[in-house]
Protein backbone atom coordinates (compact mmCIF):
# COMPACT_ATOMS: atom_id res chain seq x y z
CA MET A 1 -3.52 -53.03 -46.47
CA LYS A 2 -3.35 -50.91 -43.29
CA LYS A 3 -1.94 -48.02 -45.31
CA ILE A 4 -4.90 -48.13 -47.72
CA ILE A 5 -7.40 -48.21 -44.83
CA THR A 6 -5.68 -45.39 -43.03
CA LEU A 7 -5.54 -43.30 -46.24
CA ALA A 8 -9.25 -43.92 -46.96
CA ALA A 9 -10.11 -42.98 -43.35
CA SER A 10 -8.12 -39.72 -43.53
CA ILE A 11 -9.78 -38.85 -46.85
CA ILE A 12 -13.24 -39.50 -45.50
CA ALA A 13 -12.37 -37.49 -42.39
CA SER A 14 -11.14 -34.52 -44.39
CA VAL A 15 -14.27 -34.54 -46.57
CA VAL A 16 -16.52 -34.71 -43.52
CA ILE A 17 -14.60 -31.84 -41.87
CA ALA A 18 -14.75 -29.76 -45.05
CA LEU A 19 -18.53 -30.04 -45.30
CA PRO A 20 -20.22 -27.02 -43.78
CA ILE A 21 -22.66 -27.55 -41.04
CA MET A 22 -26.18 -27.27 -42.38
CA PRO A 23 -28.77 -25.39 -40.29
CA PRO A 24 -31.94 -27.31 -39.48
CA MET A 25 -34.50 -27.48 -42.27
CA VAL A 26 -36.80 -24.51 -42.39
CA SER A 27 -40.40 -25.07 -43.36
CA LEU A 28 -41.07 -24.10 -46.97
CA ALA A 29 -44.77 -23.55 -46.38
CA ALA A 30 -45.92 -19.96 -46.76
CA PRO A 31 -46.81 -18.27 -43.43
CA ALA A 32 -50.47 -17.89 -42.65
CA THR A 33 -50.27 -14.15 -43.31
CA ALA A 34 -48.66 -14.43 -46.73
CA LYS A 35 -50.69 -14.18 -49.87
CA VAL A 36 -50.32 -17.16 -52.15
CA ALA A 37 -50.97 -16.58 -55.82
CA LYS A 38 -53.32 -19.03 -57.45
CA THR A 39 -51.96 -20.53 -60.64
CA ALA A 40 -54.89 -22.60 -61.74
CA ALA A 41 -58.02 -21.08 -63.11
CA PRO A 42 -61.25 -22.19 -61.36
CA MET A 43 -63.19 -25.02 -63.02
CA LYS A 44 -66.23 -24.04 -64.95
CA THR A 45 -69.44 -25.98 -64.27
CA THR A 46 -71.48 -27.35 -67.15
CA GLY A 47 -74.79 -27.35 -65.29
CA VAL A 48 -74.53 -30.95 -64.15
CA ALA A 49 -73.59 -30.99 -60.45
CA SER A 50 -73.91 -34.73 -60.00
CA GLY A 51 -75.07 -37.81 -61.84
CA VAL A 52 -73.67 -40.58 -63.94
CA THR A 53 -71.67 -40.34 -67.15
CA LYS A 54 -72.34 -42.17 -70.37
CA LEU A 55 -69.67 -44.78 -69.55
CA GLN A 56 -71.18 -45.33 -66.04
CA ALA A 57 -74.66 -45.71 -67.55
CA LEU A 58 -73.30 -48.35 -70.00
CA ASP A 59 -71.60 -50.12 -67.09
CA ILE A 60 -74.87 -50.14 -65.05
CA ALA A 61 -76.80 -51.72 -67.94
CA LEU A 62 -74.17 -54.32 -68.68
CA LYS A 63 -73.94 -55.33 -65.05
CA ASP A 64 -77.71 -55.64 -64.83
CA ALA A 65 -77.74 -57.89 -67.93
CA GLY A 66 -74.79 -59.90 -66.63
CA PHE A 67 -72.30 -59.05 -69.36
CA GLU A 68 -68.98 -57.40 -69.80
CA MET A 69 -68.02 -54.84 -72.47
CA GLU A 70 -66.06 -57.52 -74.34
CA ASP A 71 -69.23 -59.58 -74.72
CA THR A 72 -71.00 -56.95 -76.75
CA LEU A 73 -71.07 -56.49 -80.53
CA TYR A 74 -72.59 -53.04 -80.68
CA THR A 75 -73.10 -50.31 -78.03
CA GLN A 76 -74.77 -46.96 -78.18
CA VAL A 77 -75.45 -44.50 -75.33
CA LYS A 78 -77.31 -41.18 -75.92
CA LYS A 79 -78.90 -38.67 -73.62
CA ASP A 80 -82.67 -38.08 -73.96
CA TYR A 81 -85.72 -37.06 -71.89
CA GLU A 82 -88.43 -39.53 -70.72
CA ASP A 83 -91.44 -38.03 -68.93
CA GLY A 84 -89.52 -34.83 -68.15
CA MET A 85 -86.53 -36.78 -66.73
CA GLU A 86 -83.09 -36.72 -68.24
CA VAL A 87 -82.06 -40.29 -69.09
CA TYR A 88 -79.40 -42.19 -71.00
CA GLU A 89 -80.75 -44.53 -73.59
CA VAL A 90 -78.32 -47.47 -73.63
CA GLU A 91 -78.49 -50.11 -76.41
CA PHE A 92 -76.20 -53.04 -76.92
CA ARG A 93 -76.24 -56.48 -78.60
CA VAL A 94 -74.91 -59.75 -77.34
CA GLY A 95 -75.22 -62.37 -80.15
CA PHE A 96 -78.60 -61.88 -81.76
CA VAL A 97 -80.24 -60.34 -78.63
CA GLU A 98 -80.63 -56.52 -78.31
CA TYR A 99 -80.82 -54.90 -74.85
CA ASN A 100 -82.31 -51.45 -74.39
CA TYR A 101 -82.11 -49.60 -71.08
CA ASP A 102 -83.26 -46.13 -69.89
CA ILE A 103 -81.10 -45.00 -66.99
CA GLU A 104 -81.70 -41.82 -65.06
CA VAL A 105 -78.81 -39.40 -65.37
CA ALA A 106 -79.16 -37.94 -61.87
CA SER A 107 -79.17 -41.21 -59.90
CA GLY A 108 -78.03 -43.97 -62.23
CA GLN A 109 -81.32 -45.87 -61.53
CA ILE A 110 -82.67 -48.12 -64.23
CA ILE A 111 -86.01 -46.68 -65.27
CA GLU A 112 -86.89 -49.18 -68.05
CA LYS A 113 -85.37 -52.11 -69.79
CA ASP A 114 -86.33 -54.10 -72.81
CA ILE A 115 -84.75 -57.28 -74.19
CA ASP A 116 -85.47 -58.27 -77.79
CA ASP A 117 -84.47 -61.73 -78.84
């Protein structure tokens, strides 16, 4: 058993001795004066800098009504204008009740809601 341990220790020692000494790690970051090529093209804006999405508008209406998406039978969200304001018209049904919401695109505020039973 001592011969195996001694042999293993000598093998490990020879491997450790054979490994070259590595210099300390050098930073891979580019120096401040170096020019870095940009690989990604800049994003193009679509004219809407902020505001809510269709999915967020639907979520706002559902939370206001106290429902989850799984509770609905039918959902529809479309963009429209009300009194010069861009809104999402959100419609959904729960059972035989239809819910209609107008939600302002810019702020996500509920402008109007109507419940038809």
